[in-house]
Amino acid sequence: MGKDDNLTDTISRRAILLIAKSAFAASPHLEMQRLAHRIAVFHPGAKVRFAFTEQGTPSLREALSSLLDQDVDAVVIVPLVLPMEPSFHIWLTRSLKRWKALAERPWPALSITRDIASSPLMAPLLGDLLKTTEALAETPGRKFSAEGSLIPPQKRRVLVCEGGACNSAGADAIWNHIRNQQERRNLRVVGDGTMTVKSTCLGPCGLAPVLQVFPEGTYCGGVTEEAVDRIITEHLLGGHVVEDFAYHPTGRKQRLRVR
């Protein structure tokens, strides 16, 4: 086997995973597919996939789980996020380490590229985009009129705390998971209907990460992705508070229960 054969074999065991934050319709999914196909042209031996971190299919965790079933030694994650806030990179790094630690089988080596804005090709790319400008079409004599809005029929609200303590405990991972589940399980229209919202500090920082379910106002602490799944099934859809994660007002300070 020659040197080039060894290189091809090494590349064939590598995966490139493009990630974006969210996709609410078919068009963004198709765009990610097109990007993946273009990358594959330049890396013909690698497995090129895409995923979404906040809402969209597949989720980042699903895409990584799928790659575990394939013969890859390394996964290079490419965040297609602009601008990429430091908190996003922190969340991404912590989530990957946690998922890998919880895995019951070996994981491939993981690495993350730098953000798009740091590339020296960004300036030429912007210059190329400026050549594609299109004038805004206007209709002479037509006045702008404000559109009306429907009042949402959903009766349930889930607040996901994004305070400092909760962010440090992985609140972004919880938010991303519940948003993905909201789409997959049609939570806006199933049962009483559920809306999900990010919140500033909800108060019980020692129980991080925290979310609160309304109309009951139930606080849930130490929440994981698995806890979110139970809260959806048992509380949001079944109407029964999940006491394993629920913390009720007692007038006294409470510690996070060890599970």
Protein backbone atom coordinates (compact mmCIF):
# COMPACT_ATOMS: atom_id res chain seq x y z
CA MET A 1 0.00 0.00 0.00
CA GLY A 2 1.46 3.35 -1.06
CA LYS A 3 1.57 6.67 0.76
CA ASP A 4 -1.50 8.01 -1.08
CA ASP A 5 -3.48 4.88 -0.15
CA ASN A 6 -2.70 5.45 3.53
CA LEU A 7 -3.85 9.07 3.25
CA THR A 8 -7.11 8.07 1.54
CA ASP A 9 -7.80 5.44 4.20
CA THR A 10 -7.21 7.96 6.99
CA ILE A 11 -9.54 10.51 5.40
CA SER A 12 -12.23 7.88 4.87
CA ARG A 13 -12.38 7.39 8.64
CA ARG A 14 -12.93 11.11 9.27
CA ALA A 15 -16.27 12.91 9.47
CA ILE A 16 -16.93 16.60 8.93
CA LEU A 17 -19.99 17.87 10.77
CA LEU A 18 -21.40 21.27 9.75
CA ILE A 19 -23.57 22.84 12.43
CA ALA A 20 -26.02 25.75 12.40
CA LYS A 21 -28.22 27.02 15.21
CA SER A 22 -31.74 26.40 13.92
CA ALA A 23 -33.99 25.68 10.97
CA PHE A 24 -37.75 26.18 11.02
CA ALA A 25 -38.58 25.22 7.43
CA ALA A 26 -37.44 23.03 4.55
CA SER A 27 -35.31 25.70 2.87
CA PRO A 28 -32.56 25.88 5.54
CA HIS A 29 -32.32 22.09 5.57
CA LEU A 30 -31.85 22.08 1.80
CA GLU A 31 -29.19 24.79 2.09
CA MET A 32 -27.27 22.73 4.64
CA GLN A 33 -27.51 19.73 2.32
CA ARG A 34 -26.06 21.80 -0.52
CA LEU A 35 -23.20 23.00 1.67
CA ALA A 36 -22.48 19.43 2.77
CA HIS A 37 -22.38 18.25 -0.85
CA ARG A 38 -19.98 21.05 -1.78
CA ILE A 39 -17.65 20.22 1.09
CA ALA A 40 -17.75 16.55 0.10
CA VAL A 41 -16.38 17.46 -3.33
CA PHE A 42 -13.20 18.78 -1.74
CA HIS A 43 -13.02 15.94 0.81
CA PRO A 44 -14.20 12.90 -1.19
CA GLY A 45 -13.05 10.37 1.40
CA ALA A 46 -14.69 12.00 4.42
CA LYS A 47 -18.24 11.57 5.65
CA VAL A 48 -19.81 15.05 5.53
CA ARG A 49 -22.93 15.59 7.64
CA PHE A 50 -24.86 18.54 9.09
CA ALA A 51 -26.84 19.22 12.28
CA PHE A 52 -28.61 21.94 14.25
CA THR A 53 -27.88 22.95 17.83
CA GLU A 54 -31.12 24.71 18.75
CA GLN A 55 -34.02 23.57 16.60
CA GLY A 56 -33.98 21.42 13.52
CA THR A 57 -33.36 17.84 12.43
CA PRO A 58 -30.98 16.23 13.03
CA SER A 59 -29.89 17.74 16.32
CA LEU A 60 -26.19 17.87 17.11
CA ARG A 61 -26.48 15.03 19.60
CA GLU A 62 -28.41 12.89 17.11
CA ALA A 63 -25.84 13.47 14.38
CA LEU A 64 -23.00 12.53 16.71
CA SER A 65 -24.85 9.40 17.85
CA SER A 66 -25.33 8.41 14.22
CA LEU A 67 -21.61 8.80 13.54
CA LEU A 68 -20.85 6.45 16.43
CA ASP A 69 -22.42 3.69 14.35
CA GLN A 70 -20.04 4.39 11.48
CA ASP A 71 -16.37 3.63 11.12
CA VAL A 72 -14.90 7.05 11.89
CA ASP A 73 -11.84 7.82 13.98
CA ALA A 74 -12.32 11.59 14.14
CA VAL A 75 -15.11 14.14 13.84
CA VAL A 76 -14.32 17.74 12.89
CA ILE A 77 -17.13 20.12 13.88
CA VAL A 78 -17.52 23.26 11.78
CA PRO A 79 -19.78 25.93 13.38
CA LEU A 80 -21.52 27.93 10.64
CA VAL A 81 -22.48 30.66 13.10
CA LEU A 82 -21.85 34.36 12.57
CA PRO A 83 -21.11 36.05 14.86
CA MET A 84 -20.10 33.20 17.15
CA GLU A 85 -20.55 34.40 20.69
CA PRO A 86 -18.07 33.11 23.30
CA SER A 87 -21.00 31.56 25.21
CA PHE A 88 -21.86 29.42 22.19
CA HIS A 89 -18.34 28.00 21.99
CA ILE A 90 -18.32 27.39 25.75
CA TRP A 91 -21.68 25.59 25.56
CA LEU A 92 -20.54 23.52 22.57
CA THR A 93 -17.31 22.44 24.27
CA ARG A 94 -18.97 21.56 27.56
CA SER A 95 -21.81 19.66 25.90
CA LEU A 96 -19.43 17.57 23.79
CA LYS A 97 -17.34 16.68 26.85
CA ARG A 98 -20.45 15.75 28.85
CA TRP A 99 -21.99 13.61 26.11
CA LYS A 100 -18.70 11.85 25.53
CA ALA A 101 -18.28 11.16 29.26
CA LEU A 102 -21.81 9.72 29.48
CA ALA A 103 -21.37 7.48 26.43
CA GLU A 104 -21.23 3.75 27.06
CA ARG A 105 -18.97 3.10 24.06
CA PRO A 106 -15.81 4.68 22.65
CA TRP A 107 -16.16 7.96 20.78
CA PRO A 108 -14.04 9.21 17.91
CA ALA A 109 -11.66 12.10 18.51
CA LEU A 110 -13.51 15.43 18.45
CA SER A 111 -12.23 18.81 17.28
CA ILE A 112 -13.86 22.20 16.57
CA THR A 113 -12.80 24.68 13.90
CA ARG A 114 -12.48 28.40 14.53
CA ASP A 115 -15.39 30.71 13.70
CA ILE A 116 -16.06 31.86 10.14
CA ALA A 117 -15.17 35.50 10.84
CA SER A 118 -11.58 34.52 11.72
CA SER A 119 -10.94 33.17 8.22
CA PRO A 120 -8.71 35.34 5.95
CA LEU A 121 -11.19 34.52 3.17
CA MET A 122 -13.97 36.48 4.88
CA ALA A 123 -13.05 39.82 3.25
CA PRO A 124 -12.98 38.39 -0.31
CA LEU A 125 -16.26 36.61 0.40
CA LEU A 126 -17.94 39.85 1.49
CA GLY A 127 -16.56 41.55 -1.61
CA ASP A 128 -18.10 38.83 -3.76
CA LEU A 129 -21.46 39.20 -1.98
CA LEU A 130 -21.46 42.96 -2.62
CA LYS A 131 -21.52 42.18 -6.33
CA THR A 132 -24.87 40.41 -5.92
CA THR A 133 -26.93 43.34 -4.58
CA GLU A 134 -30.52 43.75 -5.74
CA ALA A 135 -32.56 46.92 -5.42
CA LEU A 136 -35.55 46.79 -3.10
CA ALA A 137 -38.69 46.68 -5.22
CA GLU A 138 -41.30 49.25 -4.28
CA THR A 139 -44.87 49.72 -5.44
CA PRO A 140 -45.52 53.42 -6.27
CA GLY A 141 -48.51 54.89 -4.46
CA ARG A 142 -48.98 51.92 -2.14
CA LYS A 143 -49.00 52.74 1.58
CA PHE A 144 -47.62 50.42 4.22
CA SER A 145 -50.26 48.96 6.51
CA ALA A 146 -49.58 47.08 9.73
CA GLU A 147 -50.75 43.49 9.81
CA GLY A 148 -52.88 42.03 12.58
CA SER A 149 -51.72 39.23 14.89
CA LEU A 150 -53.39 36.14 16.25
CA ILE A 151 -53.37 35.59 20.00
CA PRO A 152 -51.52 32.29 20.66
CA PRO A 153 -53.90 29.60 21.96
CA GLN A 154 -51.22 27.77 23.97
CA LYS A 155 -51.96 27.56 27.69
CA ARG A 156 -48.63 26.19 28.91
CA ARG A 157 -45.30 27.99 29.17
CA VAL A 158 -41.88 26.57 29.97
CA LEU A 159 -39.27 29.08 31.09
CA VAL A 160 -35.68 27.90 30.71
CA CYS A 161 -33.37 29.89 32.98
CA GLU A 162 -30.39 31.50 31.24
CA GLY A 163 -28.89 33.07 34.34
CA GLY A 164 -25.18 32.76 35.12
CA ALA A 165 -25.39 29.68 37.34
CA CYS A 166 -27.72 27.86 34.94
CA ASN A 167 -25.59 28.70 31.92
CA SER A 168 -22.55 27.30 33.71
CA ALA A 169 -24.54 24.13 34.47
CA GLY A 170 -25.51 23.58 30.83
CA ALA A 171 -28.75 25.54 30.38
CA ASP A 172 -28.09 26.01 26.66
CA ALA A 173 -28.06 22.25 26.17
CA ILE A 174 -31.44 22.02 27.92
CA TRP A 175 -32.84 24.86 25.80
CA ASN A 176 -31.64 23.29 22.58
CA HIS A 177 -33.10 19.91 23.53
CA ILE A 178 -36.50 21.22 24.55
CA ARG A 179 -36.74 23.30 21.37
CA ASN A 180 -35.95 20.25 19.27
CA GLN A 181 -38.53 18.20 21.16
CA GLN A 182 -41.08 20.98 20.78
CA GLU A 183 -40.78 20.64 17.02
CA ARG A 184 -40.63 16.84 16.90
CA ARG A 185 -43.60 16.29 19.20
CA ASN A 186 -45.69 19.21 17.94
CA LEU A 187 -45.97 20.58 21.47
CA ARG A 188 -47.51 23.85 20.29
CA VAL A 189 -50.67 22.05 19.20
CA VAL A 190 -50.71 18.83 21.28
CA GLY A 191 -52.62 18.83 24.57
CA ASP A 192 -53.01 22.30 26.05
CA GLY A 193 -50.28 23.60 23.73
CA THR A 194 -46.83 24.62 24.98
CA MET A 195 -44.65 27.64 24.31
CA THR A 196 -40.98 27.65 25.38
CA VAL A 197 -39.10 30.79 26.39
CA LYS A 198 -35.62 31.71 27.58
CA SER A 199 -35.62 33.57 30.87
CA THR A 200 -33.27 35.65 32.97
CA CYS A 201 -32.46 34.31 36.45
CA LEU A 202 -35.42 32.44 37.97
CA GLY A 203 -34.02 32.52 41.51
CA PRO A 204 -32.97 29.07 42.82
CA CYS A 205 -29.42 29.19 41.41
CA GLY A 206 -28.25 26.32 43.64
CA LEU A 207 -30.59 23.98 41.75
CA ALA A 208 -29.15 24.78 38.30
CA PRO A 209 -30.01 24.18 35.57
CA VAL A 210 -33.57 25.29 36.32
CA LEU A 211 -36.78 25.52 34.33
CA GLN A 212 -40.28 26.52 35.41
CA VAL A 213 -43.53 25.06 34.06
CA PHE A 214 -46.73 27.10 33.92
CA PRO A 215 -49.61 27.44 34.66
CA GLU A 216 -48.64 25.51 37.83
CA GLY A 217 -45.42 27.49 38.25
CA THR A 218 -43.50 24.29 39.09
CA TYR A 219 -39.74 24.68 39.48
CA CYS A 220 -37.59 21.83 38.15
CA GLY A 221 -33.91 21.65 39.10
CA GLY A 222 -30.89 19.64 38.04
CA VAL A 223 -32.55 19.21 34.67
CA THR A 224 -30.95 17.00 32.01
CA GLU A 225 -32.08 16.05 28.50
CA GLU A 226 -33.61 12.89 29.95
CA ALA A 227 -35.45 14.98 32.55
CA VAL A 228 -36.84 17.20 29.78
CA ASP A 229 -38.23 14.13 28.02
CA ARG A 230 -40.01 13.02 31.19
CA ILE A 231 -41.35 16.51 31.91
CA ILE A 232 -42.79 16.67 28.40
CA THR A 233 -44.44 13.25 28.58
CA GLU A 234 -45.60 13.25 32.18
CA HIS A 235 -46.22 16.93 32.97
CA LEU A 236 -46.86 18.92 29.79
CA LEU A 237 -48.86 16.16 28.11
CA GLY A 238 -49.92 14.00 31.05
CA GLY A 239 -50.70 16.73 33.59
CA HIS A 240 -48.64 15.14 36.40
CA VAL A 241 -45.68 16.96 37.96
CA VAL A 242 -42.44 14.97 37.76
CA GLU A 243 -41.54 14.96 41.45
CA ASP A 244 -38.07 13.53 40.79
CA PHE A 245 -37.08 16.96 39.46
CA ALA A 246 -39.70 19.22 41.09
CA TYR A 247 -38.88 21.64 43.94
CA HIS A 248 -41.79 23.23 45.78
CA PRO A 249 -41.70 26.41 47.94
CA THR A 250 -40.96 25.51 51.57
CA GLY A 251 -39.72 28.81 52.99
CA ARG A 252 -36.32 27.20 53.51
CA LYS A 253 -33.25 26.81 51.33
CA GLN A 254 -33.10 23.53 49.41
CA ARG A 255 -30.14 21.62 48.05
CA LEU A 256 -30.06 19.79 44.74
CA ARG A 257 -31.07 16.20 45.39
CA VAL A 258 -28.51 13.52 44.54
CA ARG A 259 -29.85 11.04 41.99
